[in-house]
């Protein structure tokens, strides 16, 4: 009797290893998609933060928007120091509303 594995055992082992490798590759691809989305949201939120800081610093009124590498940041500033800032990433929209300085508003 010879020691070793049969051809059937080797093929079954290869199929099991292949399924495991495909599972790992699929998980890596899904994780990469989530990381890319998180980076885009972080970039738009940083742009929104910069716009909010600018609106709070100066009494600006009007509306506008600016593209970023990750999405779009827009704003609407009204009288009495109120403003709304939004960021768009893909199909999602994030909003921030506020007043520039509550002490300045009668």
Protein backbone atom coordinates (compact mmCIF):
# COMPACT_ATOMS: atom_id res chain seq x y z
CA UNK A 1 0.00 0.00 0.00
CA UNK A 2 1.30 3.49 -0.94
CA UNK A 3 1.13 6.52 1.27
CA UNK A 4 -0.36 9.74 -0.14
CA UNK A 5 -3.56 11.32 -1.33
CA UNK A 6 -5.87 10.21 -4.08
CA UNK A 7 -6.68 12.44 -7.02
CA UNK A 8 -10.22 12.91 -5.68
CA UNK A 9 -8.94 14.10 -2.30
CA UNK A 10 -6.59 16.59 -3.94
CA UNK A 11 -9.36 17.98 -6.18
CA UNK A 12 -11.75 18.35 -3.24
CA UNK A 13 -9.04 20.16 -1.24
CA UNK A 14 -8.37 22.51 -4.17
CA UNK A 15 -12.07 23.33 -4.52
CA UNK A 16 -12.34 24.07 -0.79
CA UNK A 17 -9.28 26.34 -0.93
CA UNK A 18 -10.63 28.11 -4.04
CA UNK A 19 -13.98 28.79 -2.38
CA UNK A 20 -12.15 30.23 0.63
CA UNK A 21 -9.98 32.47 -1.54
CA UNK A 22 -13.03 33.71 -3.49
CA UNK A 23 -14.75 34.53 -0.19
CA UNK A 24 -11.75 36.55 0.98
CA UNK A 25 -11.52 38.43 -2.35
CA UNK A 26 -15.24 39.23 -2.23
CA UNK A 27 -14.93 40.53 1.32
CA UNK A 28 -11.96 42.73 0.34
CA UNK A 29 -13.90 44.20 -2.58
CA UNK A 30 -16.92 45.02 -0.39
CA UNK A 31 -14.66 46.55 2.26
CA UNK A 32 -12.89 48.68 -0.38
CA UNK A 33 -16.26 50.01 -1.54
CA UNK A 34 -17.21 50.96 2.01
CA UNK A 35 -13.86 52.66 2.59
CA UNK A 36 -14.21 54.68 -0.64
CA UNK A 37 -17.72 55.77 0.37
CA UNK A 38 -16.55 56.75 3.86
CA UNK A 39 -13.71 58.81 2.38
CA UNK A 40 -16.16 60.60 0.08
CA UNK A 41 -18.51 61.40 2.98
CA UNK A 42 -15.56 62.62 5.07
CA UNK A 43 -14.40 64.89 2.24
CA UNK A 44 -17.84 66.44 1.75
CA UNK A 45 -18.27 66.91 5.50
CA UNK A 46 -14.93 68.74 5.63
CA UNK A 47 -16.16 71.02 2.83
CA UNK A 48 -19.43 71.59 4.68
CA UNK A 49 -17.49 72.45 7.84
CA UNK A 50 -15.44 75.02 5.94
CA UNK A 51 -18.61 76.62 4.52
CA UNK A 52 -20.26 76.73 7.95
CA UNK A 53 -17.14 78.38 9.41
CA UNK A 54 -17.18 80.96 6.60
CA UNK A 55 -20.88 81.69 7.05
CA UNK A 56 -20.47 82.07 10.79
CA UNK A 57 -17.48 84.40 10.36
CA UNK A 58 -19.14 86.85 7.97
CA UNK A 59 -22.68 88.06 7.52
CA UNK A 60 -23.10 86.72 4.02
CA UNK A 61 -26.46 86.21 2.37
CA UNK A 62 -27.29 84.34 -0.80
CA UNK A 63 -26.85 80.84 -2.09
CA UNK A 64 -24.29 78.86 -3.98
CA UNK A 65 -22.61 75.55 -4.41
CA UNK A 66 -19.16 74.23 -5.08
CA UNK A 67 -18.05 70.89 -6.46
CA UNK A 68 -15.52 68.88 -4.49
CA UNK A 69 -13.58 65.81 -5.58
CA UNK A 70 -16.09 63.72 -3.59
CA UNK A 71 -19.42 65.43 -4.22
CA UNK A 72 -21.09 68.84 -4.01
CA UNK A 73 -21.30 71.31 -1.14
CA UNK A 74 -23.99 74.00 -1.26
CA UNK A 75 -25.32 76.70 1.00
CA UNK A 76 -28.26 79.06 1.45
CA UNK A 77 -27.68 82.05 3.74
CA UNK A 78 -30.61 84.24 4.64
CA UNK A 79 -31.04 87.37 6.67
CA UNK A 80 -30.67 87.48 10.43
CA UNK A 81 -27.65 85.16 10.29
CA UNK A 82 -29.54 81.97 9.44
CA UNK A 83 -28.06 79.49 7.00
CA UNK A 84 -28.40 75.98 5.60
CA UNK A 85 -25.48 74.00 4.26
CA UNK A 86 -25.84 70.75 2.38
CA UNK A 87 -23.51 68.15 1.00
CA UNK A 88 -24.32 65.60 -1.68
CA UNK A 89 -22.46 62.29 -2.01
CA UNK A 90 -23.93 60.02 -4.63
CA UNK A 91 -27.66 59.85 -3.92
CA UNK A 92 -27.37 60.97 -0.29
CA UNK A 93 -27.81 64.54 0.95
CA UNK A 94 -26.61 65.78 4.34
CA UNK A 95 -27.98 69.04 5.85
CA UNK A 96 -26.75 71.45 8.51
CA UNK A 97 -28.85 74.40 9.66
CA UNK A 98 -27.82 77.15 12.03
CA UNK A 99 -27.55 80.76 12.99
CA UNK A 100 -24.27 82.59 12.49
CA UNK A 101 -24.17 84.14 15.93
CA UNK A 102 -27.17 84.00 18.25
CA UNK A 103 -25.95 87.08 20.14
CA UNK A 104 -26.21 89.20 16.95
CA UNK A 105 -29.78 88.18 16.16
CA UNK A 106 -32.43 90.46 17.72
